[in-house]
Amino acid sequence: MSDWTSLWYVWLILLNVFLLLFCGITALCVKLCCQKKRFPVEPFSRHPSDLSAIAFDSDSTPHSTVT
């Protein structure tokens, strides 16, 4: 078997895996800490909605030509 110290690429892969795990755990902790400090926000704003209606006339030209 080869000596572990001569396999530098294995150590590089392990270092990358541990760095990714560390960054993921750190991001999770920061996310959880920020969620606890936030004030509850209302999900929907209560602004009046603009509604528009389109009126159809039963005696319009396309209807009278079909019937």
PDB file of N, CA and C in Angstrom:
ATOM      1  N   MET A   1       0.834  -1.197   0.000  1.00  0.00           N
ATOM      2  CA  MET A   1       0.000   0.000   0.000  1.00  0.00           C
ATOM      3  C   MET A   1       0.870   1.248   0.000  1.00  0.00           C
ATOM      4  N   SER A   2       0.292   2.311  -0.544  1.00  0.00           N
ATOM      5  CA  SER A   2       1.019   3.581  -0.589  1.00  0.00           C
ATOM      6  C   SER A   2       0.910   4.303   0.740  1.00  0.00           C
ATOM      7  N   ASP A   3       1.852   5.148   0.973  1.00  0.00           N
ATOM      8  CA  ASP A   3       1.835   5.959   2.180  1.00  0.00           C
ATOM      9  C   ASP A   3       0.766   7.043   2.033  1.00  0.00           C
ATOM     10  N   TRP A   4      -0.035   7.285   3.085  1.00  0.00           N
ATOM     11  CA  TRP A   4      -1.133   8.255   3.023  1.00  0.00           C
ATOM     12  C   TRP A   4      -0.631   9.672   2.784  1.00  0.00           C
ATOM     13  N   THR A   5       0.541   9.994   3.216  1.00  0.00           N
ATOM     14  CA  THR A   5       1.026  11.361   3.026  1.00  0.00           C
ATOM     15  C   THR A   5       1.402  11.636   1.578  1.00  0.00           C
ATOM     16  N   SER A   6       1.692  10.598   0.811  1.00  0.00           N
ATOM     17  CA  SER A   6       2.021  10.821  -0.592  1.00  0.00           C
ATOM     18  C   SER A   6       0.777  10.962  -1.461  1.00  0.00           C
ATOM     19  N   LEU A   7      -0.372  10.602  -0.933  1.00  0.00           N
ATOM     20  CA  LEU A   7      -1.632  10.732  -1.682  1.00  0.00           C
ATOM     21  C   LEU A   7      -2.236  12.113  -1.415  1.00  0.00           C
ATOM     22  N   TRP A   8      -1.638  13.129  -1.996  1.00  0.00           N
ATOM     23  CA  TRP A   8      -2.061  14.510  -1.721  1.00  0.00           C
ATOM     24  C   TRP A   8      -3.461  14.800  -2.226  1.00  0.00           C
ATOM     25  N   TYR A   9      -3.877  14.142  -3.299  1.00  0.00           N
ATOM     26  CA  TYR A   9      -5.204  14.399  -3.858  1.00  0.00           C
ATOM     27  C   TYR A   9      -6.305  13.881  -2.943  1.00  0.00           C
ATOM     28  N   VAL A  10      -6.039  12.837  -2.168  1.00  0.00           N
ATOM     29  CA  VAL A  10      -7.031  12.346  -1.206  1.00  0.00           C
ATOM     30  C   VAL A  10      -7.229  13.380  -0.112  1.00  0.00           C
ATOM     31  N   TRP A  11      -6.129  13.956   0.367  1.00  0.00           N
ATOM     32  CA  TRP A  11      -6.222  14.989   1.395  1.00  0.00           C
ATOM     33  C   TRP A  11      -6.931  16.222   0.851  1.00  0.00           C
ATOM     34  N   LEU A  12      -6.717  16.542  -0.422  1.00  0.00           N
ATOM     35  CA  LEU A  12      -7.386  17.696  -1.035  1.00  0.00           C
ATOM     36  C   LEU A  12      -8.894  17.467  -1.129  1.00  0.00           C
ATOM     37  N   ILE A  13      -9.293  16.273  -1.502  1.00  0.00           N
ATOM     38  CA  ILE A  13     -10.724  15.949  -1.577  1.00  0.00           C
ATOM     39  C   ILE A  13     -11.351  15.991  -0.186  1.00  0.00           C
ATOM     40  N   LEU A  14     -10.662  15.416   0.799  1.00  0.00           N
ATOM     41  CA  LEU A  14     -11.192  15.442   2.171  1.00  0.00           C
ATOM     42  C   LEU A  14     -11.307  16.865   2.697  1.00  0.00           C
ATOM     43  N   LEU A  15     -10.329  17.703   2.398  1.00  0.00           N
ATOM     44  CA  LEU A  15     -10.380  19.092   2.832  1.00  0.00           C
ATOM     45  C   LEU A  15     -11.564  19.817   2.209  1.00  0.00           C
ATOM     46  N   ASN A  16     -11.818  19.574   0.922  1.00  0.00           N
ATOM     47  CA  ASN A  16     -12.967  20.196   0.256  1.00  0.00           C
ATOM     48  C   ASN A  16     -14.288  19.737   0.864  1.00  0.00           C
ATOM     49  N   VAL A  17     -14.391  18.461   1.185  1.00  0.00           N
ATOM     50  CA  VAL A  17     -15.627  17.936   1.789  1.00  0.00           C
ATOM     51  C   VAL A  17     -15.862  18.577   3.148  1.00  0.00           C
ATOM     52  N   PHE A  18     -14.831  18.666   3.956  1.00  0.00           N
ATOM     53  CA  PHE A  18     -14.986  19.273   5.281  1.00  0.00           C
ATOM     54  C   PHE A  18     -15.291  20.765   5.191  1.00  0.00           C
ATOM     55  N   LEU A  19     -14.703  21.451   4.224  1.00  0.00           N
ATOM     56  CA  LEU A  19     -15.014  22.875   4.047  1.00  0.00           C
ATOM     57  C   LEU A  19     -16.472  23.082   3.622  1.00  0.00           C
ATOM     58  N   LEU A  20     -16.957  22.229   2.737  1.00  0.00           N
ATOM     59  CA  LEU A  20     -18.362  22.332   2.329  1.00  0.00           C
ATOM     60  C   LEU A  20     -19.299  22.052   3.499  1.00  0.00           C
ATOM     61  N   LEU A  21     -18.977  21.044   4.298  1.00  0.00           N
ATOM     62  CA  LEU A  21     -19.799  20.763   5.478  1.00  0.00           C
ATOM     63  C   LEU A  21     -19.777  21.924   6.462  1.00  0.00           C
ATOM     64  N   PHE A  22     -18.600  22.502   6.677  1.00  0.00           N
ATOM     65  CA  PHE A  22     -18.478  23.623   7.596  1.00  0.00           C
ATOM     66  C   PHE A  22     -19.280  24.828   7.107  1.00  0.00           C
ATOM     67  N   CYS A  23     -19.193  25.116   5.813  1.00  0.00           N
ATOM     68  CA  CYS A  23     -19.958  26.245   5.253  1.00  0.00           C
ATOM     69  C   CYS A  23     -21.461  25.995   5.350  1.00  0.00           C
ATOM     70  N   GLY A  24     -21.889  24.770   5.112  1.00  0.00           N
ATOM     71  CA  GLY A  24     -23.312  24.444   5.206  1.00  0.00           C
ATOM     72  C   GLY A  24     -23.833  24.571   6.622  1.00  0.00           C
ATOM     73  N   ILE A  25     -23.071  24.091   7.588  1.00  0.00           N
ATOM     74  CA  ILE A  25     -23.490  24.194   8.992  1.00  0.00           C
ATOM     75  C   ILE A  25     -23.499  25.654   9.436  1.00  0.00           C
ATOM     76  N   THR A  26     -22.499  26.412   9.015  1.00  0.00           N
ATOM     77  CA  THR A  26     -22.459  27.839   9.367  1.00  0.00           C
ATOM     78  C   THR A  26     -23.647  28.582   8.770  1.00  0.00           C
ATOM     79  N   ALA A  27     -23.965  28.309   7.502  1.00  0.00           N
ATOM     80  CA  ALA A  27     -25.104  28.970   6.856  1.00  0.00           C
ATOM     81  C   ALA A  27     -26.414  28.602   7.548  1.00  0.00           C
ATOM     82  N   LEU A  28     -26.539  27.361   7.971  1.00  0.00           N
ATOM     83  CA  LEU A  28     -27.749  26.935   8.667  1.00  0.00           C
ATOM     84  C   LEU A  28     -27.887  27.650  10.008  1.00  0.00           C
ATOM     85  N   CYS A  29     -26.802  27.773  10.740  1.00  0.00           N
ATOM     86  CA  CYS A  29     -26.844  28.470  12.029  1.00  0.00           C
ATOM     87  C   CYS A  29     -27.192  29.947  11.847  1.00  0.00           C
ATOM     88  N   VAL A  30     -26.614  30.581  10.853  1.00  0.00           N
ATOM     89  CA  VAL A  30     -26.911  31.994  10.603  1.00  0.00           C
ATOM     90  C   VAL A  30     -28.375  32.158  10.208  1.00  0.00           C
ATOM     91  N   LYS A  31     -28.890  31.255   9.387  1.00  0.00           N
ATOM     92  CA  LYS A  31     -30.288  31.329   8.971  1.00  0.00           C
ATOM     93  C   LYS A  31     -31.222  31.171  10.170  1.00  0.00           C
ATOM     94  N   LEU A  32     -30.924  30.213  11.035  1.00  0.00           N
ATOM     95  CA  LEU A  32     -31.776  29.996  12.200  1.00  0.00           C
ATOM     96  C   LEU A  32     -31.713  31.170  13.169  1.00  0.00           C
ATOM     97  N   CYS A  33     -30.534  31.751  13.356  1.00  0.00           N
ATOM     98  CA  CYS A  33     -30.402  32.894  14.260  1.00  0.00           C
ATOM     99  C   CYS A  33     -31.132  34.114  13.716  1.00  0.00           C
ATOM    100  N   CYS A  34     -31.082  34.327  12.415  1.00  0.00           N
ATOM    101  CA  CYS A  34     -31.763  35.478  11.819  1.00  0.00           C
ATOM    102  C   CYS A  34     -33.274  35.316  11.859  1.00  0.00           C
ATOM    103  N   GLN A  35     -33.774  34.087  11.734  1.00  0.00           N
ATOM    104  CA  GLN A  35     -35.213  33.869  11.788  1.00  0.00           C
ATOM    105  C   GLN A  35     -35.763  34.157  13.173  1.00  0.00           C
ATOM    106  N   LYS A  36     -35.001  33.877  14.205  1.00  0.00           N
ATOM    107  CA  LYS A  36     -35.481  34.107  15.569  1.00  0.00           C
ATOM    108  C   LYS A  36     -35.566  35.595  15.877  1.00  0.00           C
ATOM    109  N   LYS A  37     -34.700  36.417  15.281  1.00  0.00           N
ATOM    110  CA  LYS A  37     -34.670  37.837  15.582  1.00  0.00           C
ATOM    111  C   LYS A  37     -35.657  38.644  14.753  1.00  0.00           C
ATOM    112  N   ARG A  38     -36.187  38.082  13.677  1.00  0.00           N
ATOM    113  CA  ARG A  38     -37.117  38.815  12.819  1.00  0.00           C
ATOM    114  C   ARG A  38     -38.476  38.944  13.472  1.00  0.00           C
ATOM    115  N   PHE A  39     -39.139  40.052  13.190  1.00  0.00           N
ATOM    116  CA  PHE A  39     -40.500  40.242  13.649  1.00  0.00           C
ATOM    117  C   PHE A  39     -41.445  39.590  12.650  1.00  0.00           C
ATOM    118  N   PRO A  40     -42.567  39.086  13.129  1.00  0.00           N
ATOM    119  CA  PRO A  40     -43.505  38.458  12.185  1.00  0.00           C
ATOM    120  C   PRO A  40     -44.055  39.491  11.211  1.00  0.00           C
ATOM    121  N   VAL A  41     -44.054  39.126   9.952  1.00  0.00           N
ATOM    122  CA  VAL A  41     -44.519  40.018   8.895  1.00  0.00           C
ATOM    123  C   VAL A  41     -45.795  39.438   8.321  1.00  0.00           C
ATOM    124  N   GLU A  42     -46.750  40.316   8.041  1.00  0.00           N
ATOM    125  CA  GLU A  42     -48.001  39.870   7.459  1.00  0.00           C
ATOM    126  C   GLU A  42     -47.741  39.416   6.023  1.00  0.00           C
ATOM    127  N   PRO A  43     -48.121  38.185   5.664  1.00  0.00           N
ATOM    128  CA  PRO A  43     -47.776  37.668   4.340  1.00  0.00           C
ATOM    129  C   PRO A  43     -48.482  38.376   3.192  1.00  0.00           C
ATOM    130  N   PHE A  44     -49.703  38.853   3.408  1.00  0.00           N
ATOM    131  CA  PHE A  44     -50.446  39.513   2.348  1.00  0.00           C
ATOM    132  C   PHE A  44     -50.764  40.938   2.773  1.00  0.00           C
ATOM    133  N   SER A  45     -50.488  41.871   1.894  1.00  0.00           N
ATOM    134  CA  SER A  45     -50.844  43.249   2.203  1.00  0.00           C
ATOM    135  C   SER A  45     -52.329  43.448   1.939  1.00  0.00           C
ATOM    136  N   ARG A  46     -52.919  44.329   2.681  1.00  0.00           N
ATOM    137  CA  ARG A  46     -54.365  44.528   2.576  1.00  0.00           C
ATOM    138  C   ARG A  46     -54.682  45.782   1.767  1.00  0.00           C
ATOM    139  N   HIS A  47     -54.255  45.794   0.520  1.00  0.00           N
ATOM    140  CA  HIS A  47     -54.569  46.903  -0.368  1.00  0.00           C
ATOM    141  C   HIS A  47     -55.814  46.556  -1.168  1.00  0.00           C
ATOM    142  N   PRO A  48     -56.664  47.533  -1.416  1.00  0.00           N
ATOM    143  CA  PRO A  48     -57.850  47.232  -2.228  1.00  0.00           C
ATOM    144  C   PRO A  48     -57.434  46.871  -3.658  1.00  0.00           C
ATOM    145  N   SER A  49     -58.108  45.902  -4.190  1.00  0.00           N
ATOM    146  CA  SER A  49     -57.782  45.452  -5.544  1.00  0.00           C
ATOM    147  C   SER A  49     -58.639  46.188  -6.564  1.00  0.00           C
ATOM    148  N   ASP A  50     -58.052  46.463  -7.696  1.00  0.00           N
ATOM    149  CA  ASP A  50     -58.802  47.075  -8.791  1.00  0.00           C
ATOM    150  C   ASP A  50     -59.427  45.969  -9.626  1.00  0.00           C
ATOM    151  N   LEU A  51     -60.719  46.007  -9.717  1.00  0.00           N
ATOM    152  CA  LEU A  51     -61.426  45.021 -10.506  1.00  0.00           C
ATOM    153  C   LEU A  51     -62.016  45.698 -11.732  1.00  0.00           C
ATOM    154  N   SER A  52     -61.889  45.074 -12.865  1.00  0.00           N
ATOM    155  CA  SER A  52     -62.489  45.624 -14.075  1.00  0.00           C
ATOM    156  C   SER A  52     -63.434  44.582 -14.655  1.00  0.00           C
ATOM    157  N   ALA A  53     -64.537  45.046 -15.136  1.00  0.00           N
ATOM    158  CA  ALA A  53     -65.546  44.160 -15.698  1.00  0.00           C
ATOM    159  C   ALA A  53     -65.736  44.507 -17.170  1.00  0.00           C
ATOM    160  N   ILE A  54     -65.955  43.481 -17.953  1.00  0.00           N
ATOM    161  CA  ILE A  54     -66.210  43.668 -19.379  1.00  0.00           C
ATOM    162  C   ILE A  54     -67.646  43.252 -19.637  1.00  0.00           C
ATOM    163  N   ALA A  55     -68.413  44.178 -20.185  1.00  0.00           N
ATOM    164  CA  ALA A  55     -69.822  43.902 -20.452  1.00  0.00           C
ATOM    165  C   ALA A  55     -69.975  43.380 -21.877  1.00  0.00           C
ATOM    166  N   PHE A  56     -70.804  42.359 -22.018  1.00  0.00           N
ATOM    167  CA  PHE A  56     -71.097  41.806 -23.341  1.00  0.00           C
ATOM    168  C   PHE A  56     -72.554  42.065 -23.657  1.00  0.00           C
ATOM    169  N   ASP A  57     -72.778  42.549 -24.843  1.00  0.00           N
ATOM    170  CA  ASP A  57     -74.135  42.812 -25.289  1.00  0.00           C
ATOM    171  C   ASP A  57     -74.598  41.622 -26.121  1.00  0.00           C
ATOM    172  N   SER A  58     -75.771  41.111 -25.802  1.00  0.00           N
ATOM    173  CA  SER A  58     -76.253  39.938 -26.527  1.00  0.00           C
ATOM    174  C   SER A  58     -76.654  40.293 -27.959  1.00  0.00           C
ATOM    175  N   ASP A  59     -76.880  41.569 -28.247  1.00  0.00           N
ATOM    176  CA  ASP A  59     -77.275  41.977 -29.596  1.00  0.00           C
ATOM    177  C   ASP A  59     -76.094  42.561 -30.367  1.00  0.00           C
ATOM    178  N   SER A  60     -74.905  42.147 -30.041  1.00  0.00           N
ATOM    179  CA  SER A  60     -73.748  42.681 -30.739  1.00  0.00           C
ATOM    180  C   SER A  60     -73.676  42.084 -32.147  1.00  0.00           C
ATOM    181  N   THR A  61     -72.866  42.708 -32.987  1.00  0.00           N
ATOM    182  CA  THR A  61     -72.807  42.325 -34.389  1.00  0.00           C
ATOM    183  C   THR A  61     -72.367  40.876 -34.605  1.00  0.00           C
ATOM    184  N   PRO A  62     -71.302  40.400 -33.952  1.00  0.00           N
ATOM    185  CA  PRO A  62     -70.920  39.006 -34.204  1.00  0.00           C
ATOM    186  C   PRO A  62     -72.016  38.018 -33.765  1.00  0.00           C
ATOM    187  N   HIS A  63     -72.722  38.339 -32.693  1.00  0.00           N
ATOM    188  CA  HIS A  63     -73.764  37.420 -32.221  1.00  0.00           C
ATOM    189  C   HIS A  63     -74.947  37.415 -33.159  1.00  0.00           C
ATOM    190  N   SER A  64     -75.341  38.560 -33.665  1.00  0.00           N
ATOM    191  CA  SER A  64     -76.522  38.617 -34.531  1.00  0.00           C
ATOM    192  C   SER A  64     -76.227  38.035 -35.907  1.00  0.00           C
ATOM    193  N   THR A  65     -74.990  38.056 -36.364  1.00  0.00           N
ATOM    194  CA  THR A  65     -74.701  37.453 -37.662  1.00  0.00           C
ATOM    195  C   THR A  65     -74.652  35.941 -37.568  1.00  0.00           C
ATOM    196  N   VAL A  66     -74.311  35.405 -36.393  1.00  0.00           N
ATOM    197  CA  VAL A  66     -74.274  33.953 -36.237  1.00  0.00           C
ATOM    198  C   VAL A  66     -75.662  33.395 -36.121  1.00  0.00           C
ATOM    199  N   THR A  67     -76.559  34.096 -35.429  1.00  0.00           N
ATOM    200  CA  THR A  67     -77.908  33.567 -35.191  1.00  0.00           C
ATOM    201  C   THR A  67     -78.874  33.907 -36.240  1.00  0.00           C
TER     202      THR A  67
END
